[in-house]
N, C-alpha and C. Protein backbone atom coordinates (compact mmCIF):
# COMPACT_ATOMS: atom_id res chain seq x y z
N MET A 1 -35.37 -38.97 -49.68
CA MET A 1 -34.85 -38.13 -50.74
C MET A 1 -33.34 -38.31 -50.83
N THR A 2 -32.87 -38.36 -52.02
CA THR A 2 -31.43 -38.50 -52.21
C THR A 2 -30.79 -37.11 -52.13
N PRO A 3 -29.49 -37.05 -51.87
CA PRO A 3 -28.82 -35.74 -51.83
C PRO A 3 -28.97 -34.98 -53.15
N ARG A 4 -29.01 -35.71 -54.26
CA ARG A 4 -29.18 -35.05 -55.56
C ARG A 4 -30.56 -34.39 -55.66
N GLU A 5 -31.62 -35.11 -55.20
CA GLU A 5 -32.96 -34.54 -55.23
C GLU A 5 -33.03 -33.31 -54.32
N THR A 6 -32.38 -33.38 -53.17
CA THR A 6 -32.36 -32.25 -52.24
C THR A 6 -31.71 -31.04 -52.90
N LYS A 7 -30.56 -31.24 -53.53
CA LYS A 7 -29.86 -30.13 -54.18
C LYS A 7 -30.73 -29.54 -55.29
N ASN A 8 -31.42 -30.38 -56.05
CA ASN A 8 -32.29 -29.88 -57.11
C ASN A 8 -33.44 -29.06 -56.54
N LEU A 9 -34.03 -29.51 -55.43
CA LEU A 9 -35.13 -28.79 -54.83
C LEU A 9 -34.66 -27.44 -54.29
N ILE A 10 -33.51 -27.40 -53.66
CA ILE A 10 -32.97 -26.14 -53.15
C ILE A 10 -32.75 -25.17 -54.31
N THR A 11 -32.15 -25.65 -55.39
CA THR A 11 -31.91 -24.80 -56.56
C THR A 11 -33.22 -24.35 -57.19
N GLU A 12 -34.18 -25.26 -57.31
CA GLU A 12 -35.49 -24.91 -57.90
C GLU A 12 -36.20 -23.85 -57.06
N ALA A 13 -36.19 -24.02 -55.73
CA ALA A 13 -36.83 -23.03 -54.85
C ALA A 13 -36.14 -21.68 -54.98
N LYS A 14 -34.81 -21.69 -55.00
CA LYS A 14 -34.05 -20.45 -55.13
C LYS A 14 -34.40 -19.75 -56.45
N ASP A 15 -34.37 -20.51 -57.54
CA ASP A 15 -34.66 -19.93 -58.85
C ASP A 15 -36.09 -19.40 -58.93
N HIS A 16 -37.03 -20.15 -58.36
CA HIS A 16 -38.44 -19.73 -58.36
C HIS A 16 -38.59 -18.42 -57.61
N LEU A 17 -37.95 -18.31 -56.46
CA LEU A 17 -38.04 -17.10 -55.67
C LEU A 17 -37.36 -15.93 -56.37
N VAL A 18 -36.16 -16.15 -56.89
CA VAL A 18 -35.44 -15.07 -57.58
C VAL A 18 -36.27 -14.54 -58.74
N ALA A 19 -36.88 -15.44 -59.51
CA ALA A 19 -37.72 -15.00 -60.64
C ALA A 19 -38.91 -14.19 -60.15
N ALA A 20 -39.46 -14.57 -59.01
CA ALA A 20 -40.64 -13.87 -58.48
C ALA A 20 -40.33 -12.49 -57.95
N ILE A 21 -39.12 -12.29 -57.41
CA ILE A 21 -38.83 -11.00 -56.76
C ILE A 21 -37.83 -10.13 -57.51
N GLU A 22 -37.24 -10.66 -58.56
CA GLU A 22 -36.24 -9.88 -59.29
C GLU A 22 -36.86 -8.61 -59.86
N GLY A 23 -36.15 -7.54 -59.74
CA GLY A 23 -36.62 -6.28 -60.30
C GLY A 23 -37.41 -5.44 -59.31
N MET A 24 -37.80 -6.03 -58.18
CA MET A 24 -38.52 -5.25 -57.17
C MET A 24 -37.51 -4.50 -56.33
N GLY A 25 -37.80 -3.26 -56.01
CA GLY A 25 -36.89 -2.48 -55.19
C GLY A 25 -36.81 -3.00 -53.77
N ASP A 26 -37.97 -3.23 -53.16
CA ASP A 26 -38.03 -3.71 -51.77
C ASP A 26 -38.54 -5.13 -51.79
N ILE A 27 -37.62 -6.07 -51.62
CA ILE A 27 -38.03 -7.47 -51.73
C ILE A 27 -38.89 -7.93 -50.56
N THR A 28 -38.77 -7.30 -49.39
CA THR A 28 -39.53 -7.79 -48.24
C THR A 28 -41.02 -7.58 -48.42
N GLY A 29 -41.43 -6.56 -49.17
CA GLY A 29 -42.85 -6.30 -49.38
C GLY A 29 -43.57 -7.45 -50.05
N ALA A 30 -43.00 -8.02 -51.06
CA ALA A 30 -43.64 -9.11 -51.81
C ALA A 30 -43.08 -10.48 -51.45
N LEU A 31 -42.17 -10.51 -50.51
CA LEU A 31 -41.48 -11.76 -50.19
C LEU A 31 -42.41 -12.83 -49.62
N ALA A 32 -43.28 -12.47 -48.70
CA ALA A 32 -44.16 -13.47 -48.09
C ALA A 32 -45.01 -14.15 -49.15
N ASP A 33 -45.55 -13.39 -50.09
CA ASP A 33 -46.36 -13.98 -51.16
C ASP A 33 -45.51 -14.87 -52.06
N ALA A 34 -44.32 -14.42 -52.40
CA ALA A 34 -43.44 -15.20 -53.27
C ALA A 34 -43.04 -16.52 -52.59
N VAL A 35 -42.75 -16.46 -51.29
CA VAL A 35 -42.39 -17.67 -50.56
C VAL A 35 -43.58 -18.61 -50.47
N SER A 36 -44.74 -18.06 -50.16
CA SER A 36 -45.95 -18.87 -50.07
C SER A 36 -46.20 -19.60 -51.38
N ASN A 37 -46.09 -18.88 -52.48
CA ASN A 37 -46.29 -19.49 -53.80
C ASN A 37 -45.25 -20.57 -54.09
N THR A 38 -44.02 -20.33 -53.67
CA THR A 38 -42.95 -21.32 -53.86
C THR A 38 -43.24 -22.58 -53.06
N ILE A 39 -43.68 -22.41 -51.81
CA ILE A 39 -44.03 -23.57 -50.96
C ILE A 39 -45.20 -24.33 -51.56
N VAL A 40 -46.23 -23.63 -51.97
CA VAL A 40 -47.40 -24.30 -52.58
C VAL A 40 -46.97 -25.05 -53.83
N HIS A 41 -46.15 -24.41 -54.66
CA HIS A 41 -45.64 -25.04 -55.89
C HIS A 41 -44.89 -26.33 -55.56
N THR A 42 -44.10 -26.30 -54.49
CA THR A 42 -43.30 -27.46 -54.10
C THR A 42 -44.16 -28.58 -53.52
N LEU A 43 -45.12 -28.23 -52.67
CA LEU A 43 -45.88 -29.24 -51.93
C LEU A 43 -47.16 -29.71 -52.62
N LYS A 44 -47.68 -28.90 -53.55
CA LYS A 44 -48.95 -29.26 -54.19
C LYS A 44 -48.82 -30.59 -54.93
N GLY A 45 -49.75 -31.44 -54.65
CA GLY A 45 -49.77 -32.73 -55.33
C GLY A 45 -48.88 -33.78 -54.72
N THR A 46 -48.05 -33.39 -53.74
CA THR A 46 -47.20 -34.38 -53.10
C THR A 46 -47.98 -35.09 -52.00
N ARG A 47 -47.64 -36.31 -51.77
CA ARG A 47 -48.25 -37.05 -50.66
C ARG A 47 -47.29 -37.11 -49.48
N ALA A 48 -46.30 -36.25 -49.52
CA ALA A 48 -45.27 -36.26 -48.48
C ALA A 48 -45.90 -36.04 -47.11
N ALA A 49 -45.37 -36.77 -46.16
CA ALA A 49 -45.80 -36.63 -44.77
C ALA A 49 -44.59 -36.92 -43.89
N GLY A 50 -44.68 -36.54 -42.65
CA GLY A 50 -43.62 -36.83 -41.70
C GLY A 50 -42.27 -36.28 -42.12
N ALA A 51 -41.26 -37.14 -42.04
CA ALA A 51 -39.88 -36.71 -42.32
C ALA A 51 -39.71 -36.21 -43.76
N GLU A 52 -40.39 -36.82 -44.70
CA GLU A 52 -40.27 -36.39 -46.10
C GLU A 52 -40.82 -34.98 -46.28
N LEU A 53 -41.95 -34.68 -45.63
CA LEU A 53 -42.53 -33.35 -45.71
C LEU A 53 -41.58 -32.32 -45.08
N VAL A 54 -41.03 -32.67 -43.93
CA VAL A 54 -40.08 -31.78 -43.25
C VAL A 54 -38.90 -31.49 -44.17
N THR A 55 -38.39 -32.51 -44.84
CA THR A 55 -37.26 -32.33 -45.76
C THR A 55 -37.64 -31.39 -46.90
N LEU A 56 -38.82 -31.55 -47.46
CA LEU A 56 -39.27 -30.67 -48.55
C LEU A 56 -39.34 -29.21 -48.08
N VAL A 57 -39.89 -28.99 -46.89
CA VAL A 57 -40.00 -27.62 -46.37
C VAL A 57 -38.61 -27.04 -46.10
N VAL A 58 -37.74 -27.83 -45.45
CA VAL A 58 -36.39 -27.36 -45.15
C VAL A 58 -35.64 -27.01 -46.43
N ASP A 59 -35.71 -27.89 -47.42
CA ASP A 59 -35.00 -27.63 -48.68
C ASP A 59 -35.55 -26.40 -49.38
N THR A 60 -36.86 -26.23 -49.34
CA THR A 60 -37.47 -25.06 -49.99
C THR A 60 -37.05 -23.78 -49.27
N VAL A 61 -37.11 -23.78 -47.95
CA VAL A 61 -36.71 -22.60 -47.18
C VAL A 61 -35.23 -22.29 -47.41
N THR A 62 -34.40 -23.33 -47.44
CA THR A 62 -32.97 -23.12 -47.72
C THR A 62 -32.78 -22.46 -49.08
N GLY A 63 -33.50 -22.94 -50.08
CA GLY A 63 -33.43 -22.33 -51.41
C GLY A 63 -33.89 -20.88 -51.40
N VAL A 64 -34.95 -20.60 -50.65
CA VAL A 64 -35.46 -19.24 -50.54
C VAL A 64 -34.41 -18.33 -49.90
N VAL A 65 -33.77 -18.79 -48.83
CA VAL A 65 -32.73 -18.00 -48.17
C VAL A 65 -31.60 -17.69 -49.14
N HIS A 66 -31.18 -18.68 -49.89
CA HIS A 66 -30.12 -18.46 -50.88
C HIS A 66 -30.59 -17.48 -51.96
N GLY A 67 -31.87 -17.57 -52.33
CA GLY A 67 -32.42 -16.65 -53.31
C GLY A 67 -32.43 -15.21 -52.82
N VAL A 68 -32.80 -15.02 -51.56
CA VAL A 68 -32.78 -13.67 -50.97
C VAL A 68 -31.36 -13.11 -51.01
N ALA A 69 -30.39 -13.94 -50.63
CA ALA A 69 -29.00 -13.51 -50.65
C ALA A 69 -28.55 -13.19 -52.08
N ASP A 70 -28.99 -14.00 -53.04
CA ASP A 70 -28.60 -13.79 -54.43
C ASP A 70 -29.08 -12.45 -54.99
N VAL A 71 -30.25 -11.98 -54.53
CA VAL A 71 -30.76 -10.71 -55.05
C VAL A 71 -30.36 -9.54 -54.16
N GLY A 72 -29.42 -9.80 -53.23
CA GLY A 72 -28.88 -8.71 -52.42
C GLY A 72 -29.65 -8.40 -51.16
N GLY A 73 -30.58 -9.27 -50.77
CA GLY A 73 -31.35 -9.04 -49.55
C GLY A 73 -30.60 -9.54 -48.32
N GLU A 74 -30.95 -9.00 -47.17
CA GLU A 74 -30.39 -9.46 -45.90
C GLU A 74 -31.37 -10.46 -45.30
N VAL A 75 -30.90 -11.66 -45.05
CA VAL A 75 -31.75 -12.74 -44.56
C VAL A 75 -32.39 -12.37 -43.22
N GLY A 76 -31.65 -11.70 -42.36
CA GLY A 76 -32.19 -11.32 -41.06
C GLY A 76 -33.44 -10.47 -41.18
N SER A 77 -33.41 -9.48 -42.06
CA SER A 77 -34.59 -8.62 -42.21
C SER A 77 -35.69 -9.29 -43.03
N ALA A 78 -35.35 -10.32 -43.79
CA ALA A 78 -36.34 -11.03 -44.60
C ALA A 78 -36.95 -12.23 -43.87
N ALA A 79 -36.36 -12.63 -42.74
CA ALA A 79 -36.76 -13.86 -42.05
C ALA A 79 -38.24 -13.87 -41.66
N ARG A 80 -38.75 -12.74 -41.19
CA ARG A 80 -40.17 -12.67 -40.80
C ARG A 80 -41.06 -13.01 -42.00
N SER A 81 -40.78 -12.37 -43.12
CA SER A 81 -41.59 -12.61 -44.33
C SER A 81 -41.45 -14.04 -44.83
N ILE A 82 -40.24 -14.60 -44.73
CA ILE A 82 -40.03 -15.98 -45.17
C ILE A 82 -40.83 -16.92 -44.28
N MET A 83 -40.81 -16.69 -42.97
CA MET A 83 -41.58 -17.53 -42.05
C MET A 83 -43.08 -17.42 -42.35
N VAL A 84 -43.59 -16.21 -42.50
CA VAL A 84 -45.01 -16.01 -42.78
C VAL A 84 -45.38 -16.71 -44.09
N GLY A 85 -44.57 -16.53 -45.11
CA GLY A 85 -44.86 -17.15 -46.41
C GLY A 85 -44.81 -18.66 -46.35
N THR A 86 -43.83 -19.21 -45.63
CA THR A 86 -43.72 -20.66 -45.51
C THR A 86 -44.92 -21.24 -44.79
N LEU A 87 -45.31 -20.61 -43.68
CA LEU A 87 -46.45 -21.13 -42.92
C LEU A 87 -47.76 -20.97 -43.69
N HIS A 88 -47.90 -19.86 -44.40
CA HIS A 88 -49.10 -19.67 -45.21
C HIS A 88 -49.16 -20.71 -46.33
N GLY A 89 -48.04 -20.94 -46.98
CA GLY A 89 -48.00 -21.92 -48.06
C GLY A 89 -48.28 -23.33 -47.58
N THR A 90 -47.68 -23.73 -46.45
CA THR A 90 -47.93 -25.08 -45.95
C THR A 90 -49.36 -25.21 -45.44
N GLN A 91 -49.90 -24.14 -44.89
CA GLN A 91 -51.31 -24.15 -44.44
C GLN A 91 -52.25 -24.26 -45.64
N THR A 92 -51.91 -23.60 -46.74
CA THR A 92 -52.73 -23.64 -47.95
C THR A 92 -52.88 -25.06 -48.47
N VAL A 93 -51.83 -25.85 -48.39
CA VAL A 93 -51.91 -27.24 -48.85
C VAL A 93 -52.25 -28.19 -47.71
N GLY A 94 -52.63 -27.62 -46.55
CA GLY A 94 -53.11 -28.41 -45.43
C GLY A 94 -52.06 -29.18 -44.66
N LYS A 95 -50.84 -28.66 -44.62
CA LYS A 95 -49.77 -29.42 -43.98
C LYS A 95 -49.01 -28.64 -42.90
N ALA A 96 -49.53 -27.51 -42.45
CA ALA A 96 -48.82 -26.71 -41.45
C ALA A 96 -49.07 -27.26 -40.05
N THR A 97 -48.00 -27.38 -39.27
CA THR A 97 -48.08 -27.85 -37.89
C THR A 97 -47.10 -27.04 -37.04
N VAL A 98 -47.12 -27.29 -35.74
CA VAL A 98 -46.14 -26.64 -34.86
C VAL A 98 -44.74 -27.08 -35.27
N GLU A 99 -44.60 -28.33 -35.71
CA GLU A 99 -43.30 -28.80 -36.17
C GLU A 99 -42.82 -28.00 -37.39
N THR A 100 -43.76 -27.58 -38.25
CA THR A 100 -43.40 -26.76 -39.40
C THR A 100 -42.78 -25.45 -38.93
N VAL A 101 -43.34 -24.87 -37.87
CA VAL A 101 -42.82 -23.62 -37.32
C VAL A 101 -41.38 -23.81 -36.86
N SER A 102 -41.15 -24.85 -36.07
CA SER A 102 -39.82 -25.12 -35.54
C SER A 102 -38.82 -25.43 -36.64
N THR A 103 -39.22 -26.27 -37.56
CA THR A 103 -38.36 -26.68 -38.66
C THR A 103 -37.99 -25.49 -39.55
N THR A 104 -38.97 -24.64 -39.83
CA THR A 104 -38.72 -23.47 -40.67
C THR A 104 -37.75 -22.52 -39.99
N ALA A 105 -37.91 -22.30 -38.69
CA ALA A 105 -36.99 -21.42 -37.96
C ALA A 105 -35.57 -21.98 -38.03
N GLY A 106 -35.44 -23.29 -37.85
CA GLY A 106 -34.12 -23.91 -37.93
C GLY A 106 -33.50 -23.76 -39.30
N ALA A 107 -34.31 -23.98 -40.35
CA ALA A 107 -33.81 -23.84 -41.71
C ALA A 107 -33.39 -22.41 -42.00
N LEU A 108 -34.14 -21.45 -41.47
CA LEU A 108 -33.77 -20.04 -41.66
C LEU A 108 -32.42 -19.72 -41.02
N VAL A 109 -32.23 -20.18 -39.79
CA VAL A 109 -30.98 -19.90 -39.08
C VAL A 109 -29.80 -20.57 -39.79
N LYS A 110 -29.97 -21.84 -40.16
CA LYS A 110 -28.88 -22.53 -40.87
C LYS A 110 -28.60 -21.85 -42.21
N GLY A 111 -29.65 -21.51 -42.93
CA GLY A 111 -29.48 -20.85 -44.23
C GLY A 111 -28.78 -19.52 -44.09
N ALA A 112 -29.15 -18.76 -43.06
CA ALA A 112 -28.49 -17.46 -42.82
C ALA A 112 -27.01 -17.66 -42.59
N SER A 113 -26.66 -18.68 -41.83
CA SER A 113 -25.25 -18.98 -41.57
C SER A 113 -24.52 -19.32 -42.87
N GLU A 114 -25.18 -20.09 -43.74
CA GLU A 114 -24.57 -20.51 -45.01
C GLU A 114 -24.25 -19.33 -45.93
N VAL A 115 -25.11 -18.30 -45.90
CA VAL A 115 -24.91 -17.17 -46.82
C VAL A 115 -24.28 -15.96 -46.13
N GLY A 116 -23.79 -16.16 -44.90
CA GLY A 116 -23.13 -15.07 -44.18
C GLY A 116 -24.07 -14.07 -43.56
N GLY A 117 -25.31 -14.47 -43.33
CA GLY A 117 -26.29 -13.57 -42.72
C GLY A 117 -26.19 -13.55 -41.21
N ASN A 118 -26.93 -12.67 -40.59
CA ASN A 118 -26.95 -12.50 -39.14
C ASN A 118 -27.90 -13.53 -38.54
N VAL A 119 -27.36 -14.54 -37.86
CA VAL A 119 -28.20 -15.62 -37.33
C VAL A 119 -29.12 -15.13 -36.22
N ALA A 120 -28.67 -14.19 -35.40
CA ALA A 120 -29.52 -13.68 -34.32
C ALA A 120 -30.72 -12.92 -34.87
N GLU A 121 -30.48 -12.03 -35.82
CA GLU A 121 -31.59 -11.28 -36.43
C GLU A 121 -32.53 -12.22 -37.20
N THR A 122 -31.97 -13.25 -37.79
CA THR A 122 -32.79 -14.23 -38.50
C THR A 122 -33.68 -14.98 -37.52
N ALA A 123 -33.13 -15.39 -36.39
CA ALA A 123 -33.92 -16.08 -35.36
C ALA A 123 -35.05 -15.18 -34.86
N LYS A 124 -34.73 -13.91 -34.62
CA LYS A 124 -35.75 -12.96 -34.16
C LYS A 124 -36.85 -12.81 -35.21
N GLY A 125 -36.46 -12.66 -36.47
CA GLY A 125 -37.45 -12.54 -37.54
C GLY A 125 -38.31 -13.79 -37.67
N ALA A 126 -37.70 -14.96 -37.48
CA ALA A 126 -38.45 -16.22 -37.54
C ALA A 126 -39.52 -16.26 -36.45
N VAL A 127 -39.16 -15.82 -35.25
CA VAL A 127 -40.12 -15.80 -34.15
C VAL A 127 -41.23 -14.78 -34.44
N GLU A 128 -40.86 -13.61 -34.96
CA GLU A 128 -41.87 -12.60 -35.31
C GLU A 128 -42.85 -13.15 -36.34
N GLY A 129 -42.33 -13.84 -37.34
CA GLY A 129 -43.20 -14.42 -38.37
C GLY A 129 -44.10 -15.51 -37.81
N ALA A 130 -43.57 -16.31 -36.89
CA ALA A 130 -44.38 -17.35 -36.27
C ALA A 130 -45.51 -16.75 -35.45
N ILE A 131 -45.19 -15.70 -34.71
CA ILE A 131 -46.22 -15.02 -33.91
C ILE A 131 -47.30 -14.44 -34.82
N ALA A 132 -46.87 -13.81 -35.91
CA ALA A 132 -47.82 -13.20 -36.85
C ALA A 132 -48.73 -14.25 -37.50
N SER A 133 -48.24 -15.48 -37.62
CA SER A 133 -49.00 -16.54 -38.29
C SER A 133 -49.77 -17.44 -37.34
N ALA A 134 -49.58 -17.26 -36.04
CA ALA A 134 -50.14 -18.18 -35.05
C ALA A 134 -51.65 -18.37 -35.19
N ARG A 135 -52.38 -17.29 -35.32
CA ARG A 135 -53.84 -17.39 -35.40
C ARG A 135 -54.27 -18.23 -36.60
N ASP A 136 -53.64 -18.02 -37.74
CA ASP A 136 -53.98 -18.79 -38.94
C ASP A 136 -53.72 -20.28 -38.76
N LEU A 137 -52.74 -20.61 -37.92
CA LEU A 137 -52.39 -22.01 -37.67
C LEU A 137 -53.23 -22.63 -36.56
N GLY A 138 -53.99 -21.79 -35.86
CA GLY A 138 -54.83 -22.29 -34.77
C GLY A 138 -54.05 -22.59 -33.50
N ILE A 139 -52.93 -21.87 -33.29
CA ILE A 139 -52.15 -22.05 -32.08
C ILE A 139 -51.95 -20.69 -31.42
N SER A 140 -51.56 -20.70 -30.15
CA SER A 140 -51.34 -19.44 -29.45
C SER A 140 -50.04 -18.79 -29.93
N ALA A 141 -49.98 -17.48 -29.75
CA ALA A 141 -48.75 -16.75 -30.12
C ALA A 141 -47.57 -17.27 -29.30
N GLU A 142 -47.83 -17.62 -28.03
CA GLU A 142 -46.76 -18.13 -27.17
C GLU A 142 -46.23 -19.47 -27.68
N ASP A 143 -47.15 -20.36 -28.09
CA ASP A 143 -46.72 -21.67 -28.61
C ASP A 143 -45.95 -21.51 -29.92
N ALA A 144 -46.41 -20.60 -30.77
CA ALA A 144 -45.71 -20.35 -32.04
C ALA A 144 -44.32 -19.79 -31.77
N ALA A 145 -44.22 -18.84 -30.85
CA ALA A 145 -42.92 -18.24 -30.51
C ALA A 145 -41.99 -19.29 -29.92
N SER A 146 -42.52 -20.13 -29.05
CA SER A 146 -41.71 -21.18 -28.43
C SER A 146 -41.19 -22.17 -29.46
N ALA A 147 -42.05 -22.58 -30.38
CA ALA A 147 -41.65 -23.53 -31.41
C ALA A 147 -40.56 -22.94 -32.30
N ALA A 148 -40.74 -21.69 -32.72
CA ALA A 148 -39.74 -21.04 -33.57
C ALA A 148 -38.42 -20.86 -32.82
N ALA A 149 -38.50 -20.43 -31.57
CA ALA A 149 -37.29 -20.22 -30.78
C ALA A 149 -36.54 -21.53 -30.58
N SER A 150 -37.27 -22.60 -30.30
CA SER A 150 -36.63 -23.90 -30.10
C SER A 150 -35.92 -24.37 -31.37
N GLY A 151 -36.58 -24.21 -32.51
CA GLY A 151 -35.96 -24.59 -33.78
C GLY A 151 -34.72 -23.75 -34.08
N ALA A 152 -34.80 -22.45 -33.77
CA ALA A 152 -33.67 -21.55 -34.01
C ALA A 152 -32.48 -21.92 -33.13
N ILE A 153 -32.74 -22.19 -31.85
CA ILE A 153 -31.66 -22.56 -30.92
C ILE A 153 -31.02 -23.88 -31.33
N GLN A 154 -31.86 -24.84 -31.71
CA GLN A 154 -31.32 -26.14 -32.12
C GLN A 154 -30.42 -25.98 -33.34
N ALA A 155 -30.87 -25.20 -34.32
CA ALA A 155 -30.06 -24.98 -35.52
C ALA A 155 -28.77 -24.25 -35.17
N ALA A 156 -28.86 -23.25 -34.29
CA ALA A 156 -27.67 -22.52 -33.87
C ALA A 156 -26.67 -23.47 -33.22
N GLY A 157 -27.17 -24.45 -32.48
CA GLY A 157 -26.31 -25.44 -31.85
C GLY A 157 -25.53 -26.27 -32.84
N GLU A 158 -26.08 -26.43 -34.04
CA GLU A 158 -25.40 -27.18 -35.09
C GLU A 158 -24.37 -26.31 -35.81
N ILE A 159 -24.41 -24.99 -35.56
CA ILE A 159 -23.48 -24.06 -36.20
C ILE A 159 -22.26 -23.84 -35.31
N SER A 160 -22.50 -23.28 -34.11
CA SER A 160 -21.39 -23.02 -33.18
C SER A 160 -21.94 -22.56 -31.84
N SER A 161 -21.09 -22.59 -30.83
CA SER A 161 -21.51 -22.09 -29.52
C SER A 161 -21.72 -20.58 -29.57
N THR A 162 -20.97 -19.89 -30.40
CA THR A 162 -21.16 -18.45 -30.57
C THR A 162 -22.54 -18.17 -31.14
N ALA A 163 -22.97 -18.96 -32.14
CA ALA A 163 -24.30 -18.78 -32.73
C ALA A 163 -25.38 -19.03 -31.68
N VAL A 164 -25.19 -20.03 -30.83
CA VAL A 164 -26.16 -20.31 -29.77
C VAL A 164 -26.28 -19.11 -28.84
N ASP A 165 -25.13 -18.56 -28.42
CA ASP A 165 -25.16 -17.40 -27.54
C ASP A 165 -25.85 -16.21 -28.19
N GLN A 166 -25.57 -15.96 -29.47
CA GLN A 166 -26.20 -14.84 -30.18
C GLN A 166 -27.71 -15.02 -30.26
N VAL A 167 -28.15 -16.23 -30.59
CA VAL A 167 -29.58 -16.50 -30.72
C VAL A 167 -30.26 -16.43 -29.35
N ARG A 168 -29.66 -17.02 -28.34
CA ARG A 168 -30.23 -16.96 -26.98
C ARG A 168 -30.39 -15.51 -26.53
N ASN A 169 -29.38 -14.69 -26.77
CA ASN A 169 -29.44 -13.29 -26.33
C ASN A 169 -30.58 -12.54 -26.99
N VAL A 170 -30.78 -12.72 -28.28
CA VAL A 170 -31.85 -11.98 -28.96
C VAL A 170 -33.23 -12.52 -28.56
N LEU A 171 -33.31 -13.80 -28.22
CA LEU A 171 -34.60 -14.39 -27.84
C LEU A 171 -34.91 -14.21 -26.35
N ALA A 172 -33.97 -13.66 -25.59
CA ALA A 172 -34.19 -13.46 -24.16
C ALA A 172 -35.18 -12.34 -23.88
N LYS A 173 -35.42 -11.50 -24.86
CA LYS A 173 -36.35 -10.38 -24.72
C LYS A 173 -37.70 -10.77 -25.30
N SER A 174 -38.74 -10.05 -24.90
CA SER A 174 -40.05 -10.25 -25.52
C SER A 174 -39.96 -9.84 -26.99
N ILE A 175 -40.63 -10.58 -27.83
CA ILE A 175 -40.65 -10.28 -29.26
C ILE A 175 -42.10 -10.10 -29.67
N SER A 176 -42.39 -8.99 -30.31
CA SER A 176 -43.75 -8.64 -30.72
C SER A 176 -44.73 -8.76 -29.55
N GLY A 177 -44.26 -8.37 -28.37
CA GLY A 177 -45.10 -8.39 -27.18
C GLY A 177 -45.30 -9.76 -26.55
N VAL A 178 -44.58 -10.76 -27.02
CA VAL A 178 -44.73 -12.12 -26.51
C VAL A 178 -43.44 -12.54 -25.82
N LYS A 179 -43.57 -13.05 -24.59
CA LYS A 179 -42.39 -13.58 -23.89
C LYS A 179 -42.06 -14.93 -24.51
N VAL A 180 -40.83 -15.06 -24.96
CA VAL A 180 -40.40 -16.27 -25.66
C VAL A 180 -39.86 -17.27 -24.64
N VAL A 181 -40.44 -18.46 -24.64
CA VAL A 181 -39.99 -19.54 -23.77
C VAL A 181 -39.42 -20.63 -24.67
N VAL A 182 -38.13 -20.88 -24.51
CA VAL A 182 -37.47 -21.89 -25.34
C VAL A 182 -37.61 -23.24 -24.67
N LYS A 183 -38.21 -24.17 -25.39
CA LYS A 183 -38.34 -25.55 -24.91
C LYS A 183 -37.35 -26.37 -25.70
N GLU A 184 -36.29 -26.77 -25.02
CA GLU A 184 -35.23 -27.50 -25.70
C GLU A 184 -35.44 -28.99 -25.56
N PRO A 185 -35.24 -29.73 -26.65
CA PRO A 185 -35.50 -31.17 -26.63
C PRO A 185 -34.39 -32.00 -26.02
N PHE A 186 -33.30 -31.35 -25.60
CA PHE A 186 -32.18 -32.14 -25.09
C PHE A 186 -32.02 -31.93 -23.59
N LYS A 187 -31.41 -32.90 -22.97
CA LYS A 187 -31.19 -32.89 -21.52
C LYS A 187 -29.77 -32.40 -21.22
N ARG A 188 -29.59 -31.92 -20.01
CA ARG A 188 -28.26 -31.49 -19.55
C ARG A 188 -27.36 -32.72 -19.47
N THR A 189 -26.14 -32.55 -19.93
CA THR A 189 -25.19 -33.65 -19.85
C THR A 189 -24.00 -33.22 -19.01
N ARG A 190 -23.24 -34.20 -18.53
CA ARG A 190 -22.04 -33.84 -17.75
C ARG A 190 -21.01 -33.15 -18.62
N ASP A 191 -20.93 -33.56 -19.89
CA ASP A 191 -19.93 -32.99 -20.79
C ASP A 191 -20.27 -31.57 -21.20
N ASN A 192 -21.54 -31.24 -21.23
CA ASN A 192 -21.96 -29.91 -21.67
C ASN A 192 -22.99 -29.37 -20.71
N PRO A 193 -22.58 -28.80 -19.56
CA PRO A 193 -23.52 -28.32 -18.56
C PRO A 193 -24.33 -27.12 -19.01
N ARG A 194 -23.95 -26.48 -20.13
CA ARG A 194 -24.72 -25.32 -20.61
C ARG A 194 -25.99 -25.75 -21.30
N GLN A 195 -26.11 -27.02 -21.70
CA GLN A 195 -27.33 -27.48 -22.36
C GLN A 195 -28.39 -27.70 -21.30
N GLY A 196 -29.67 -27.56 -21.76
CA GLY A 196 -30.77 -27.94 -20.90
C GLY A 196 -31.51 -26.86 -20.34
């Protein structure tokens, strides 16, 4: 995908979501359905797989986060619904995987940072949404929580060390009754002993 196509997809997802939720008093109530419909709209008919599919999901989630911010919503409190909607939508078109969980959590955290949202609350909401969706995806709540937490931590690492600390602190506690185990894909290095 070219950067221009990515920008168009982000804008299209944002506009689709804003149109779906505009005028509602409580956007979180209908948000999961609106996100699911946006994901299905984006992925239906595409033959995207692998990295291209990941890019489509990330761009759509980014657009959704911007849409939530545009209508005055707080991304942190909407993150659970966005995660549930994203996973339901990707499952509907037969493309949901554990990688989708991780990627969506990362996109939520990055998107929250872009719009000035609370990255820690967003990470927590992403994990809650992953846990709520685990059964539908055919994975354990622990695996879903771990995948979401790993994606959130990785995204926080691309933002700042402060974001990493905030996300780690909120994920250190059990969420929705599930102990969150972060599986990080990187090894400890001499330059950065805090990794790993």
